[in-house]
Amino acid sequence: LQGFQARKIAFSLNLSGKAFKEMV
């Protein structure tokens, strides 16, 4: 798993801010 892929998943779940970082 690459970092950009974890971020793509967080983006797809419509998260932002702290929740985005937590999801990554």
PDBML (XML) file of the C-alpha atoms, coordinates in Angstrom:
<?xml version="1.0" encoding="UTF-8" ?>
<PDBx:datablock datablockName="MODEL"
   xmlns:PDBx="http://pdbml.pdb.org/schema/pdbx-v50.xsd"
   xmlns:xsi="http://www.w3.org/2001/XMLSchema-instance"
   xsi:schemaLocation="http://pdbml.pdb.org/schema/pdbx-v50.xsd pdbx-v50.xsd">
   <PDBx:atom_siteCategory>
      <PDBx:atom_site id="1">
         <PDBx:B_iso_or_equiv>0.00</PDBx:B_iso_or_equiv>
         <PDBx:Cartn_x>0.000</PDBx:Cartn_x>
         <PDBx:Cartn_y>0.000</PDBx:Cartn_y>
         <PDBx:Cartn_z>0.000</PDBx:Cartn_z>
         <PDBx:auth_asym_id>A</PDBx:auth_asym_id>
         <PDBx:auth_atom_id>CA</PDBx:auth_atom_id>
         <PDBx:auth_comp_id>LEU</PDBx:auth_comp_id>
         <PDBx:auth_seq_id>1</PDBx:auth_seq_id>
         <PDBx:group_PDB>ATOM</PDBx:group_PDB>
         <PDBx:label_alt_id xsi:nil="true" />
         <PDBx:label_asym_id>A</PDBx:label_asym_id>
         <PDBx:label_atom_id>CA</PDBx:label_atom_id>
         <PDBx:label_comp_id>LEU</PDBx:label_comp_id>
         <PDBx:label_entity_id>1</PDBx:label_entity_id>
         <PDBx:label_seq_id>1</PDBx:label_seq_id>
         <PDBx:occupancy>1.00</PDBx:occupancy>
         <PDBx:pdbx_PDB_model_num>1</PDBx:pdbx_PDB_model_num>
         <PDBx:type_symbol>C</PDBx:type_symbol>
      </PDBx:atom_site>
      <PDBx:atom_site id="2">
         <PDBx:B_iso_or_equiv>0.00</PDBx:B_iso_or_equiv>
         <PDBx:Cartn_x>1.335</PDBx:Cartn_x>
         <PDBx:Cartn_y>3.406</PDBx:Cartn_y>
         <PDBx:Cartn_z>-1.030</PDBx:Cartn_z>
         <PDBx:auth_asym_id>A</PDBx:auth_asym_id>
         <PDBx:auth_atom_id>CA</PDBx:auth_atom_id>
         <PDBx:auth_comp_id>GLN</PDBx:auth_comp_id>
         <PDBx:auth_seq_id>2</PDBx:auth_seq_id>
         <PDBx:group_PDB>ATOM</PDBx:group_PDB>
         <PDBx:label_alt_id xsi:nil="true" />
         <PDBx:label_asym_id>A</PDBx:label_asym_id>
         <PDBx:label_atom_id>CA</PDBx:label_atom_id>
         <PDBx:label_comp_id>GLN</PDBx:label_comp_id>
         <PDBx:label_entity_id>1</PDBx:label_entity_id>
         <PDBx:label_seq_id>2</PDBx:label_seq_id>
         <PDBx:occupancy>1.00</PDBx:occupancy>
         <PDBx:pdbx_PDB_model_num>1</PDBx:pdbx_PDB_model_num>
         <PDBx:type_symbol>C</PDBx:type_symbol>
      </PDBx:atom_site>
      <PDBx:atom_site id="3">
         <PDBx:B_iso_or_equiv>0.00</PDBx:B_iso_or_equiv>
         <PDBx:Cartn_x>0.582</PDBx:Cartn_x>
         <PDBx:Cartn_y>6.648</PDBx:Cartn_y>
         <PDBx:Cartn_z>0.782</PDBx:Cartn_z>
         <PDBx:auth_asym_id>A</PDBx:auth_asym_id>
         <PDBx:auth_atom_id>CA</PDBx:auth_atom_id>
         <PDBx:auth_comp_id>GLY</PDBx:auth_comp_id>
         <PDBx:auth_seq_id>3</PDBx:auth_seq_id>
         <PDBx:group_PDB>ATOM</PDBx:group_PDB>
         <PDBx:label_alt_id xsi:nil="true" />
         <PDBx:label_asym_id>A</PDBx:label_asym_id>
         <PDBx:label_atom_id>CA</PDBx:label_atom_id>
         <PDBx:label_comp_id>GLY</PDBx:label_comp_id>
         <PDBx:label_entity_id>1</PDBx:label_entity_id>
         <PDBx:label_seq_id>3</PDBx:label_seq_id>
         <PDBx:occupancy>1.00</PDBx:occupancy>
         <PDBx:pdbx_PDB_model_num>1</PDBx:pdbx_PDB_model_num>
         <PDBx:type_symbol>C</PDBx:type_symbol>
      </PDBx:atom_site>
      <PDBx:atom_site id="4">
         <PDBx:B_iso_or_equiv>0.00</PDBx:B_iso_or_equiv>
         <PDBx:Cartn_x>-1.197</PDBx:Cartn_x>
         <PDBx:Cartn_y>8.187</PDBx:Cartn_y>
         <PDBx:Cartn_z>-2.201</PDBx:Cartn_z>
         <PDBx:auth_asym_id>A</PDBx:auth_asym_id>
         <PDBx:auth_atom_id>CA</PDBx:auth_atom_id>
         <PDBx:auth_comp_id>PHE</PDBx:auth_comp_id>
         <PDBx:auth_seq_id>4</PDBx:auth_seq_id>
         <PDBx:group_PDB>ATOM</PDBx:group_PDB>
         <PDBx:label_alt_id xsi:nil="true" />
         <PDBx:label_asym_id>A</PDBx:label_asym_id>
         <PDBx:label_atom_id>CA</PDBx:label_atom_id>
         <PDBx:label_comp_id>PHE</PDBx:label_comp_id>
         <PDBx:label_entity_id>1</PDBx:label_entity_id>
         <PDBx:label_seq_id>4</PDBx:label_seq_id>
         <PDBx:occupancy>1.00</PDBx:occupancy>
         <PDBx:pdbx_PDB_model_num>1</PDBx:pdbx_PDB_model_num>
         <PDBx:type_symbol>C</PDBx:type_symbol>
      </PDBx:atom_site>
      <PDBx:atom_site id="5">
         <PDBx:B_iso_or_equiv>0.00</PDBx:B_iso_or_equiv>
         <PDBx:Cartn_x>-3.547</PDBx:Cartn_x>
         <PDBx:Cartn_y>5.182</PDBx:Cartn_y>
         <PDBx:Cartn_z>-2.313</PDBx:Cartn_z>
         <PDBx:auth_asym_id>A</PDBx:auth_asym_id>
         <PDBx:auth_atom_id>CA</PDBx:auth_atom_id>
         <PDBx:auth_comp_id>GLN</PDBx:auth_comp_id>
         <PDBx:auth_seq_id>5</PDBx:auth_seq_id>
         <PDBx:group_PDB>ATOM</PDBx:group_PDB>
         <PDBx:label_alt_id xsi:nil="true" />
         <PDBx:label_asym_id>A</PDBx:label_asym_id>
         <PDBx:label_atom_id>CA</PDBx:label_atom_id>
         <PDBx:label_comp_id>GLN</PDBx:label_comp_id>
         <PDBx:label_entity_id>1</PDBx:label_entity_id>
         <PDBx:label_seq_id>5</PDBx:label_seq_id>
         <PDBx:occupancy>1.00</PDBx:occupancy>
         <PDBx:pdbx_PDB_model_num>1</PDBx:pdbx_PDB_model_num>
         <PDBx:type_symbol>C</PDBx:type_symbol>
      </PDBx:atom_site>
      <PDBx:atom_site id="6">
         <PDBx:B_iso_or_equiv>0.00</PDBx:B_iso_or_equiv>
         <PDBx:Cartn_x>-4.542</PDBx:Cartn_x>
         <PDBx:Cartn_y>5.602</PDBx:Cartn_y>
         <PDBx:Cartn_z>1.338</PDBx:Cartn_z>
         <PDBx:auth_asym_id>A</PDBx:auth_asym_id>
         <PDBx:auth_atom_id>CA</PDBx:auth_atom_id>
         <PDBx:auth_comp_id>ALA</PDBx:auth_comp_id>
         <PDBx:auth_seq_id>6</PDBx:auth_seq_id>
         <PDBx:group_PDB>ATOM</PDBx:group_PDB>
         <PDBx:label_alt_id xsi:nil="true" />
         <PDBx:label_asym_id>A</PDBx:label_asym_id>
         <PDBx:label_atom_id>CA</PDBx:label_atom_id>
         <PDBx:label_comp_id>ALA</PDBx:label_comp_id>
         <PDBx:label_entity_id>1</PDBx:label_entity_id>
         <PDBx:label_seq_id>6</PDBx:label_seq_id>
         <PDBx:occupancy>1.00</PDBx:occupancy>
         <PDBx:pdbx_PDB_model_num>1</PDBx:pdbx_PDB_model_num>
         <PDBx:type_symbol>C</PDBx:type_symbol>
      </PDBx:atom_site>
      <PDBx:atom_site id="7">
         <PDBx:B_iso_or_equiv>0.00</PDBx:B_iso_or_equiv>
         <PDBx:Cartn_x>-5.216</PDBx:Cartn_x>
         <PDBx:Cartn_y>9.283</PDBx:Cartn_y>
         <PDBx:Cartn_z>0.584</PDBx:Cartn_z>
         <PDBx:auth_asym_id>A</PDBx:auth_asym_id>
         <PDBx:auth_atom_id>CA</PDBx:auth_atom_id>
         <PDBx:auth_comp_id>ARG</PDBx:auth_comp_id>
         <PDBx:auth_seq_id>7</PDBx:auth_seq_id>
         <PDBx:group_PDB>ATOM</PDBx:group_PDB>
         <PDBx:label_alt_id xsi:nil="true" />
         <PDBx:label_asym_id>A</PDBx:label_asym_id>
         <PDBx:label_atom_id>CA</PDBx:label_atom_id>
         <PDBx:label_comp_id>ARG</PDBx:label_comp_id>
         <PDBx:label_entity_id>1</PDBx:label_entity_id>
         <PDBx:label_seq_id>7</PDBx:label_seq_id>
         <PDBx:occupancy>1.00</PDBx:occupancy>
         <PDBx:pdbx_PDB_model_num>1</PDBx:pdbx_PDB_model_num>
         <PDBx:type_symbol>C</PDBx:type_symbol>
      </PDBx:atom_site>
      <PDBx:atom_site id="8">
         <PDBx:B_iso_or_equiv>0.00</PDBx:B_iso_or_equiv>
         <PDBx:Cartn_x>-7.309</PDBx:Cartn_x>
         <PDBx:Cartn_y>8.370</PDBx:Cartn_y>
         <PDBx:Cartn_z>-2.488</PDBx:Cartn_z>
         <PDBx:auth_asym_id>A</PDBx:auth_asym_id>
         <PDBx:auth_atom_id>CA</PDBx:auth_atom_id>
         <PDBx:auth_comp_id>LYS</PDBx:auth_comp_id>
         <PDBx:auth_seq_id>8</PDBx:auth_seq_id>
         <PDBx:group_PDB>ATOM</PDBx:group_PDB>
         <PDBx:label_alt_id xsi:nil="true" />
         <PDBx:label_asym_id>A</PDBx:label_asym_id>
         <PDBx:label_atom_id>CA</PDBx:label_atom_id>
         <PDBx:label_comp_id>LYS</PDBx:label_comp_id>
         <PDBx:label_entity_id>1</PDBx:label_entity_id>
         <PDBx:label_seq_id>8</PDBx:label_seq_id>
         <PDBx:occupancy>1.00</PDBx:occupancy>
         <PDBx:pdbx_PDB_model_num>1</PDBx:pdbx_PDB_model_num>
         <PDBx:type_symbol>C</PDBx:type_symbol>
      </PDBx:atom_site>
      <PDBx:atom_site id="9">
         <PDBx:B_iso_or_equiv>0.00</PDBx:B_iso_or_equiv>
         <PDBx:Cartn_x>-9.519</PDBx:Cartn_x>
         <PDBx:Cartn_y>6.208</PDBx:Cartn_y>
         <PDBx:Cartn_z>-0.292</PDBx:Cartn_z>
         <PDBx:auth_asym_id>A</PDBx:auth_asym_id>
         <PDBx:auth_atom_id>CA</PDBx:auth_atom_id>
         <PDBx:auth_comp_id>ILE</PDBx:auth_comp_id>
         <PDBx:auth_seq_id>9</PDBx:auth_seq_id>
         <PDBx:group_PDB>ATOM</PDBx:group_PDB>
         <PDBx:label_alt_id xsi:nil="true" />
         <PDBx:label_asym_id>A</PDBx:label_asym_id>
         <PDBx:label_atom_id>CA</PDBx:label_atom_id>
         <PDBx:label_comp_id>ILE</PDBx:label_comp_id>
         <PDBx:label_entity_id>1</PDBx:label_entity_id>
         <PDBx:label_seq_id>9</PDBx:label_seq_id>
         <PDBx:occupancy>1.00</PDBx:occupancy>
         <PDBx:pdbx_PDB_model_num>1</PDBx:pdbx_PDB_model_num>
         <PDBx:type_symbol>C</PDBx:type_symbol>
      </PDBx:atom_site>
      <PDBx:atom_site id="10">
         <PDBx:B_iso_or_equiv>0.00</PDBx:B_iso_or_equiv>
         <PDBx:Cartn_x>-9.940</PDBx:Cartn_x>
         <PDBx:Cartn_y>8.999</PDBx:Cartn_y>
         <PDBx:Cartn_z>2.256</PDBx:Cartn_z>
         <PDBx:auth_asym_id>A</PDBx:auth_asym_id>
         <PDBx:auth_atom_id>CA</PDBx:auth_atom_id>
         <PDBx:auth_comp_id>ALA</PDBx:auth_comp_id>
         <PDBx:auth_seq_id>10</PDBx:auth_seq_id>
         <PDBx:group_PDB>ATOM</PDBx:group_PDB>
         <PDBx:label_alt_id xsi:nil="true" />
         <PDBx:label_asym_id>A</PDBx:label_asym_id>
         <PDBx:label_atom_id>CA</PDBx:label_atom_id>
         <PDBx:label_comp_id>ALA</PDBx:label_comp_id>
         <PDBx:label_entity_id>1</PDBx:label_entity_id>
         <PDBx:label_seq_id>10</PDBx:label_seq_id>
         <PDBx:occupancy>1.00</PDBx:occupancy>
         <PDBx:pdbx_PDB_model_num>1</PDBx:pdbx_PDB_model_num>
         <PDBx:type_symbol>C</PDBx:type_symbol>
      </PDBx:atom_site>
      <PDBx:atom_site id="11">
         <PDBx:B_iso_or_equiv>0.00</PDBx:B_iso_or_equiv>
         <PDBx:Cartn_x>-10.849</PDBx:Cartn_x>
         <PDBx:Cartn_y>11.419</PDBx:Cartn_y>
         <PDBx:Cartn_z>-0.577</PDBx:Cartn_z>
         <PDBx:auth_asym_id>A</PDBx:auth_asym_id>
         <PDBx:auth_atom_id>CA</PDBx:auth_atom_id>
         <PDBx:auth_comp_id>PHE</PDBx:auth_comp_id>
         <PDBx:auth_seq_id>11</PDBx:auth_seq_id>
         <PDBx:group_PDB>ATOM</PDBx:group_PDB>
         <PDBx:label_alt_id xsi:nil="true" />
         <PDBx:label_asym_id>A</PDBx:label_asym_id>
         <PDBx:label_atom_id>CA</PDBx:label_atom_id>
         <PDBx:label_comp_id>PHE</PDBx:label_comp_id>
         <PDBx:label_entity_id>1</PDBx:label_entity_id>
         <PDBx:label_seq_id>11</PDBx:label_seq_id>
         <PDBx:occupancy>1.00</PDBx:occupancy>
         <PDBx:pdbx_PDB_model_num>1</PDBx:pdbx_PDB_model_num>
         <PDBx:type_symbol>C</PDBx:type_symbol>
      </PDBx:atom_site>
      <PDBx:atom_site id="12">
         <PDBx:B_iso_or_equiv>0.00</PDBx:B_iso_or_equiv>
         <PDBx:Cartn_x>-13.395</PDBx:Cartn_x>
         <PDBx:Cartn_y>8.940</PDBx:Cartn_y>
         <PDBx:Cartn_z>-1.974</PDBx:Cartn_z>
         <PDBx:auth_asym_id>A</PDBx:auth_asym_id>
         <PDBx:auth_atom_id>CA</PDBx:auth_atom_id>
         <PDBx:auth_comp_id>SER</PDBx:auth_comp_id>
         <PDBx:auth_seq_id>12</PDBx:auth_seq_id>
         <PDBx:group_PDB>ATOM</PDBx:group_PDB>
         <PDBx:label_alt_id xsi:nil="true" />
         <PDBx:label_asym_id>A</PDBx:label_asym_id>
         <PDBx:label_atom_id>CA</PDBx:label_atom_id>
         <PDBx:label_comp_id>SER</PDBx:label_comp_id>
         <PDBx:label_entity_id>1</PDBx:label_entity_id>
         <PDBx:label_seq_id>12</PDBx:label_seq_id>
         <PDBx:occupancy>1.00</PDBx:occupancy>
         <PDBx:pdbx_PDB_model_num>1</PDBx:pdbx_PDB_model_num>
         <PDBx:type_symbol>C</PDBx:type_symbol>
      </PDBx:atom_site>
      <PDBx:atom_site id="13">
         <PDBx:B_iso_or_equiv>0.00</PDBx:B_iso_or_equiv>
         <PDBx:Cartn_x>-15.123</PDBx:Cartn_x>
         <PDBx:Cartn_y>8.894</PDBx:Cartn_y>
         <PDBx:Cartn_z>1.419</PDBx:Cartn_z>
         <PDBx:auth_asym_id>A</PDBx:auth_asym_id>
         <PDBx:auth_atom_id>CA</PDBx:auth_atom_id>
         <PDBx:auth_comp_id>LEU</PDBx:auth_comp_id>
         <PDBx:auth_seq_id>13</PDBx:auth_seq_id>
         <PDBx:group_PDB>ATOM</PDBx:group_PDB>
         <PDBx:label_alt_id xsi:nil="true" />
         <PDBx:label_asym_id>A</PDBx:label_asym_id>
         <PDBx:label_atom_id>CA</PDBx:label_atom_id>
         <PDBx:label_comp_id>LEU</PDBx:label_comp_id>
         <PDBx:label_entity_id>1</PDBx:label_entity_id>
         <PDBx:label_seq_id>13</PDBx:label_seq_id>
         <PDBx:occupancy>1.00</PDBx:occupancy>
         <PDBx:pdbx_PDB_model_num>1</PDBx:pdbx_PDB_model_num>
         <PDBx:type_symbol>C</PDBx:type_symbol>
      </PDBx:atom_site>
      <PDBx:atom_site id="14">
         <PDBx:B_iso_or_equiv>0.00</PDBx:B_iso_or_equiv>
         <PDBx:Cartn_x>-15.605</PDBx:Cartn_x>
         <PDBx:Cartn_y>12.692</PDBx:Cartn_y>
         <PDBx:Cartn_z>1.278</PDBx:Cartn_z>
         <PDBx:auth_asym_id>A</PDBx:auth_asym_id>
         <PDBx:auth_atom_id>CA</PDBx:auth_atom_id>
         <PDBx:auth_comp_id>ASN</PDBx:auth_comp_id>
         <PDBx:auth_seq_id>14</PDBx:auth_seq_id>
         <PDBx:group_PDB>ATOM</PDBx:group_PDB>
         <PDBx:label_alt_id xsi:nil="true" />
         <PDBx:label_asym_id>A</PDBx:label_asym_id>
         <PDBx:label_atom_id>CA</PDBx:label_atom_id>
         <PDBx:label_comp_id>ASN</PDBx:label_comp_id>
         <PDBx:label_entity_id>1</PDBx:label_entity_id>
         <PDBx:label_seq_id>14</PDBx:label_seq_id>
         <PDBx:occupancy>1.00</PDBx:occupancy>
         <PDBx:pdbx_PDB_model_num>1</PDBx:pdbx_PDB_model_num>
         <PDBx:type_symbol>C</PDBx:type_symbol>
      </PDBx:atom_site>
      <PDBx:atom_site id="15">
         <PDBx:B_iso_or_equiv>0.00</PDBx:B_iso_or_equiv>
         <PDBx:Cartn_x>-13.499</PDBx:Cartn_x>
         <PDBx:Cartn_y>13.320</PDBx:Cartn_y>
         <PDBx:Cartn_z>4.369</PDBx:Cartn_z>
         <PDBx:auth_asym_id>A</PDBx:auth_asym_id>
         <PDBx:auth_atom_id>CA</PDBx:auth_atom_id>
         <PDBx:auth_comp_id>LEU</PDBx:auth_comp_id>
         <PDBx:auth_seq_id>15</PDBx:auth_seq_id>
         <PDBx:group_PDB>ATOM</PDBx:group_PDB>
         <PDBx:label_alt_id xsi:nil="true" />
         <PDBx:label_asym_id>A</PDBx:label_asym_id>
         <PDBx:label_atom_id>CA</PDBx:label_atom_id>
         <PDBx:label_comp_id>LEU</PDBx:label_comp_id>
         <PDBx:label_entity_id>1</PDBx:label_entity_id>
         <PDBx:label_seq_id>15</PDBx:label_seq_id>
         <PDBx:occupancy>1.00</PDBx:occupancy>
         <PDBx:pdbx_PDB_model_num>1</PDBx:pdbx_PDB_model_num>
         <PDBx:type_symbol>C</PDBx:type_symbol>
      </PDBx:atom_site>
      <PDBx:atom_site id="16">
         <PDBx:B_iso_or_equiv>0.00</PDBx:B_iso_or_equiv>
         <PDBx:Cartn_x>-11.494</PDBx:Cartn_x>
         <PDBx:Cartn_y>16.409</PDBx:Cartn_y>
         <PDBx:Cartn_z>5.193</PDBx:Cartn_z>
         <PDBx:auth_asym_id>A</PDBx:auth_asym_id>
         <PDBx:auth_atom_id>CA</PDBx:auth_atom_id>
         <PDBx:auth_comp_id>SER</PDBx:auth_comp_id>
         <PDBx:auth_seq_id>16</PDBx:auth_seq_id>
         <PDBx:group_PDB>ATOM</PDBx:group_PDB>
         <PDBx:label_alt_id xsi:nil="true" />
         <PDBx:label_asym_id>A</PDBx:label_asym_id>
         <PDBx:label_atom_id>CA</PDBx:label_atom_id>
         <PDBx:label_comp_id>SER</PDBx:label_comp_id>
         <PDBx:label_entity_id>1</PDBx:label_entity_id>
         <PDBx:label_seq_id>16</PDBx:label_seq_id>
         <PDBx:occupancy>1.00</PDBx:occupancy>
         <PDBx:pdbx_PDB_model_num>1</PDBx:pdbx_PDB_model_num>
         <PDBx:type_symbol>C</PDBx:type_symbol>
      </PDBx:atom_site>
      <PDBx:atom_site id="17">
         <PDBx:B_iso_or_equiv>0.00</PDBx:B_iso_or_equiv>
         <PDBx:Cartn_x>-9.371</PDBx:Cartn_x>
         <PDBx:Cartn_y>17.904</PDBx:Cartn_y>
         <PDBx:Cartn_z>7.945</PDBx:Cartn_z>
         <PDBx:auth_asym_id>A</PDBx:auth_asym_id>
         <PDBx:auth_atom_id>CA</PDBx:auth_atom_id>
         <PDBx:auth_comp_id>GLY</PDBx:auth_comp_id>
         <PDBx:auth_seq_id>17</PDBx:auth_seq_id>
         <PDBx:group_PDB>ATOM</PDBx:group_PDB>
         <PDBx:label_alt_id xsi:nil="true" />
         <PDBx:label_asym_id>A</PDBx:label_asym_id>
         <PDBx:label_atom_id>CA</PDBx:label_atom_id>
         <PDBx:label_comp_id>GLY</PDBx:label_comp_id>
         <PDBx:label_entity_id>1</PDBx:label_entity_id>
         <PDBx:label_seq_id>17</PDBx:label_seq_id>
         <PDBx:occupancy>1.00</PDBx:occupancy>
         <PDBx:pdbx_PDB_model_num>1</PDBx:pdbx_PDB_model_num>
         <PDBx:type_symbol>C</PDBx:type_symbol>
      </PDBx:atom_site>
      <PDBx:atom_site id="18">
         <PDBx:B_iso_or_equiv>0.00</PDBx:B_iso_or_equiv>
         <PDBx:Cartn_x>-8.727</PDBx:Cartn_x>
         <PDBx:Cartn_y>15.725</PDBx:Cartn_y>
         <PDBx:Cartn_z>10.975</PDBx:Cartn_z>
         <PDBx:auth_asym_id>A</PDBx:auth_asym_id>
         <PDBx:auth_atom_id>CA</PDBx:auth_atom_id>
         <PDBx:auth_comp_id>LYS</PDBx:auth_comp_id>
         <PDBx:auth_seq_id>18</PDBx:auth_seq_id>
         <PDBx:group_PDB>ATOM</PDBx:group_PDB>
         <PDBx:label_alt_id xsi:nil="true" />
         <PDBx:label_asym_id>A</PDBx:label_asym_id>
         <PDBx:label_atom_id>CA</PDBx:label_atom_id>
         <PDBx:label_comp_id>LYS</PDBx:label_comp_id>
         <PDBx:label_entity_id>1</PDBx:label_entity_id>
         <PDBx:label_seq_id>18</PDBx:label_seq_id>
         <PDBx:occupancy>1.00</PDBx:occupancy>
         <PDBx:pdbx_PDB_model_num>1</PDBx:pdbx_PDB_model_num>
         <PDBx:type_symbol>C</PDBx:type_symbol>
      </PDBx:atom_site>
      <PDBx:atom_site id="19">
         <PDBx:B_iso_or_equiv>0.00</PDBx:B_iso_or_equiv>
         <PDBx:Cartn_x>-11.087</PDBx:Cartn_x>
         <PDBx:Cartn_y>12.981</PDBx:Cartn_y>
         <PDBx:Cartn_z>9.752</PDBx:Cartn_z>
         <PDBx:auth_asym_id>A</PDBx:auth_asym_id>
         <PDBx:auth_atom_id>CA</PDBx:auth_atom_id>
         <PDBx:auth_comp_id>ALA</PDBx:auth_comp_id>
         <PDBx:auth_seq_id>19</PDBx:auth_seq_id>
         <PDBx:group_PDB>ATOM</PDBx:group_PDB>
         <PDBx:label_alt_id xsi:nil="true" />
         <PDBx:label_asym_id>A</PDBx:label_asym_id>
         <PDBx:label_atom_id>CA</PDBx:label_atom_id>
         <PDBx:label_comp_id>ALA</PDBx:label_comp_id>
         <PDBx:label_entity_id>1</PDBx:label_entity_id>
         <PDBx:label_seq_id>19</PDBx:label_seq_id>
         <PDBx:occupancy>1.00</PDBx:occupancy>
         <PDBx:pdbx_PDB_model_num>1</PDBx:pdbx_PDB_model_num>
         <PDBx:type_symbol>C</PDBx:type_symbol>
      </PDBx:atom_site>
      <PDBx:atom_site id="20">
         <PDBx:B_iso_or_equiv>0.00</PDBx:B_iso_or_equiv>
         <PDBx:Cartn_x>-9.126</PDBx:Cartn_x>
         <PDBx:Cartn_y>12.753</PDBx:Cartn_y>
         <PDBx:Cartn_z>6.478</PDBx:Cartn_z>
         <PDBx:auth_asym_id>A</PDBx:auth_asym_id>
         <PDBx:auth_atom_id>CA</PDBx:auth_atom_id>
         <PDBx:auth_comp_id>PHE</PDBx:auth_comp_id>
         <PDBx:auth_seq_id>20</PDBx:auth_seq_id>
         <PDBx:group_PDB>ATOM</PDBx:group_PDB>
         <PDBx:label_alt_id xsi:nil="true" />
         <PDBx:label_asym_id>A</PDBx:label_asym_id>
         <PDBx:label_atom_id>CA</PDBx:label_atom_id>
         <PDBx:label_comp_id>PHE</PDBx:label_comp_id>
         <PDBx:label_entity_id>1</PDBx:label_entity_id>
         <PDBx:label_seq_id>20</PDBx:label_seq_id>
         <PDBx:occupancy>1.00</PDBx:occupancy>
         <PDBx:pdbx_PDB_model_num>1</PDBx:pdbx_PDB_model_num>
         <PDBx:type_symbol>C</PDBx:type_symbol>
      </PDBx:atom_site>
      <PDBx:atom_site id="21">
         <PDBx:B_iso_or_equiv>0.00</PDBx:B_iso_or_equiv>
         <PDBx:Cartn_x>-5.807</PDBx:Cartn_x>
         <PDBx:Cartn_y>12.303</PDBx:Cartn_y>
         <PDBx:Cartn_z>8.300</PDBx:Cartn_z>
         <PDBx:auth_asym_id>A</PDBx:auth_asym_id>
         <PDBx:auth_atom_id>CA</PDBx:auth_atom_id>
         <PDBx:auth_comp_id>LYS</PDBx:auth_comp_id>
         <PDBx:auth_seq_id>21</PDBx:auth_seq_id>
         <PDBx:group_PDB>ATOM</PDBx:group_PDB>
         <PDBx:label_alt_id xsi:nil="true" />
         <PDBx:label_asym_id>A</PDBx:label_asym_id>
         <PDBx:label_atom_id>CA</PDBx:label_atom_id>
         <PDBx:label_comp_id>LYS</PDBx:label_comp_id>
         <PDBx:label_entity_id>1</PDBx:label_entity_id>
         <PDBx:label_seq_id>21</PDBx:label_seq_id>
         <PDBx:occupancy>1.00</PDBx:occupancy>
         <PDBx:pdbx_PDB_model_num>1</PDBx:pdbx_PDB_model_num>
         <PDBx:type_symbol>C</PDBx:type_symbol>
      </PDBx:atom_site>
      <PDBx:atom_site id="22">
         <PDBx:B_iso_or_equiv>0.00</PDBx:B_iso_or_equiv>
         <PDBx:Cartn_x>-7.379</PDBx:Cartn_x>
         <PDBx:Cartn_y>9.798</PDBx:Cartn_y>
         <PDBx:Cartn_z>10.693</PDBx:Cartn_z>
         <PDBx:auth_asym_id>A</PDBx:auth_asym_id>
         <PDBx:auth_atom_id>CA</PDBx:auth_atom_id>
         <PDBx:auth_comp_id>GLU</PDBx:auth_comp_id>
         <PDBx:auth_seq_id>22</PDBx:auth_seq_id>
         <PDBx:group_PDB>ATOM</PDBx:group_PDB>
         <PDBx:label_alt_id xsi:nil="true" />
         <PDBx:label_asym_id>A</PDBx:label_asym_id>
         <PDBx:label_atom_id>CA</PDBx:label_atom_id>
         <PDBx:label_comp_id>GLU</PDBx:label_comp_id>
         <PDBx:label_entity_id>1</PDBx:label_entity_id>
         <PDBx:label_seq_id>22</PDBx:label_seq_id>
         <PDBx:occupancy>1.00</PDBx:occupancy>
         <PDBx:pdbx_PDB_model_num>1</PDBx:pdbx_PDB_model_num>
         <PDBx:type_symbol>C</PDBx:type_symbol>
      </PDBx:atom_site>
      <PDBx:atom_site id="23">
         <PDBx:B_iso_or_equiv>0.00</PDBx:B_iso_or_equiv>
         <PDBx:Cartn_x>-8.706</PDBx:Cartn_x>
         <PDBx:Cartn_y>7.739</PDBx:Cartn_y>
         <PDBx:Cartn_z>7.769</PDBx:Cartn_z>
         <PDBx:auth_asym_id>A</PDBx:auth_asym_id>
         <PDBx:auth_atom_id>CA</PDBx:auth_atom_id>
         <PDBx:auth_comp_id>MET</PDBx:auth_comp_id>
         <PDBx:auth_seq_id>23</PDBx:auth_seq_id>
         <PDBx:group_PDB>ATOM</PDBx:group_PDB>
         <PDBx:label_alt_id xsi:nil="true" />
         <PDBx:label_asym_id>A</PDBx:label_asym_id>
         <PDBx:label_atom_id>CA</PDBx:label_atom_id>
         <PDBx:label_comp_id>MET</PDBx:label_comp_id>
         <PDBx:label_entity_id>1</PDBx:label_entity_id>
         <PDBx:label_seq_id>23</PDBx:label_seq_id>
         <PDBx:occupancy>1.00</PDBx:occupancy>
         <PDBx:pdbx_PDB_model_num>1</PDBx:pdbx_PDB_model_num>
         <PDBx:type_symbol>C</PDBx:type_symbol>
      </PDBx:atom_site>
      <PDBx:atom_site id="24">
         <PDBx:B_iso_or_equiv>0.00</PDBx:B_iso_or_equiv>
         <PDBx:Cartn_x>-5.305</PDBx:Cartn_x>
         <PDBx:Cartn_y>7.666</PDBx:Cartn_y>
         <PDBx:Cartn_z>6.046</PDBx:Cartn_z>
         <PDBx:auth_asym_id>A</PDBx:auth_asym_id>
         <PDBx:auth_atom_id>CA</PDBx:auth_atom_id>
         <PDBx:auth_comp_id>VAL</PDBx:auth_comp_id>
         <PDBx:auth_seq_id>24</PDBx:auth_seq_id>
         <PDBx:group_PDB>ATOM</PDBx:group_PDB>
         <PDBx:label_alt_id xsi:nil="true" />
         <PDBx:label_asym_id>A</PDBx:label_asym_id>
         <PDBx:label_atom_id>CA</PDBx:label_atom_id>
         <PDBx:label_comp_id>VAL</PDBx:label_comp_id>
         <PDBx:label_entity_id>1</PDBx:label_entity_id>
         <PDBx:label_seq_id>24</PDBx:label_seq_id>
         <PDBx:occupancy>1.00</PDBx:occupancy>
         <PDBx:pdbx_PDB_model_num>1</PDBx:pdbx_PDB_model_num>
         <PDBx:type_symbol>C</PDBx:type_symbol>
      </PDBx:atom_site>
   </PDBx:atom_siteCategory>
</PDBx:datablock>
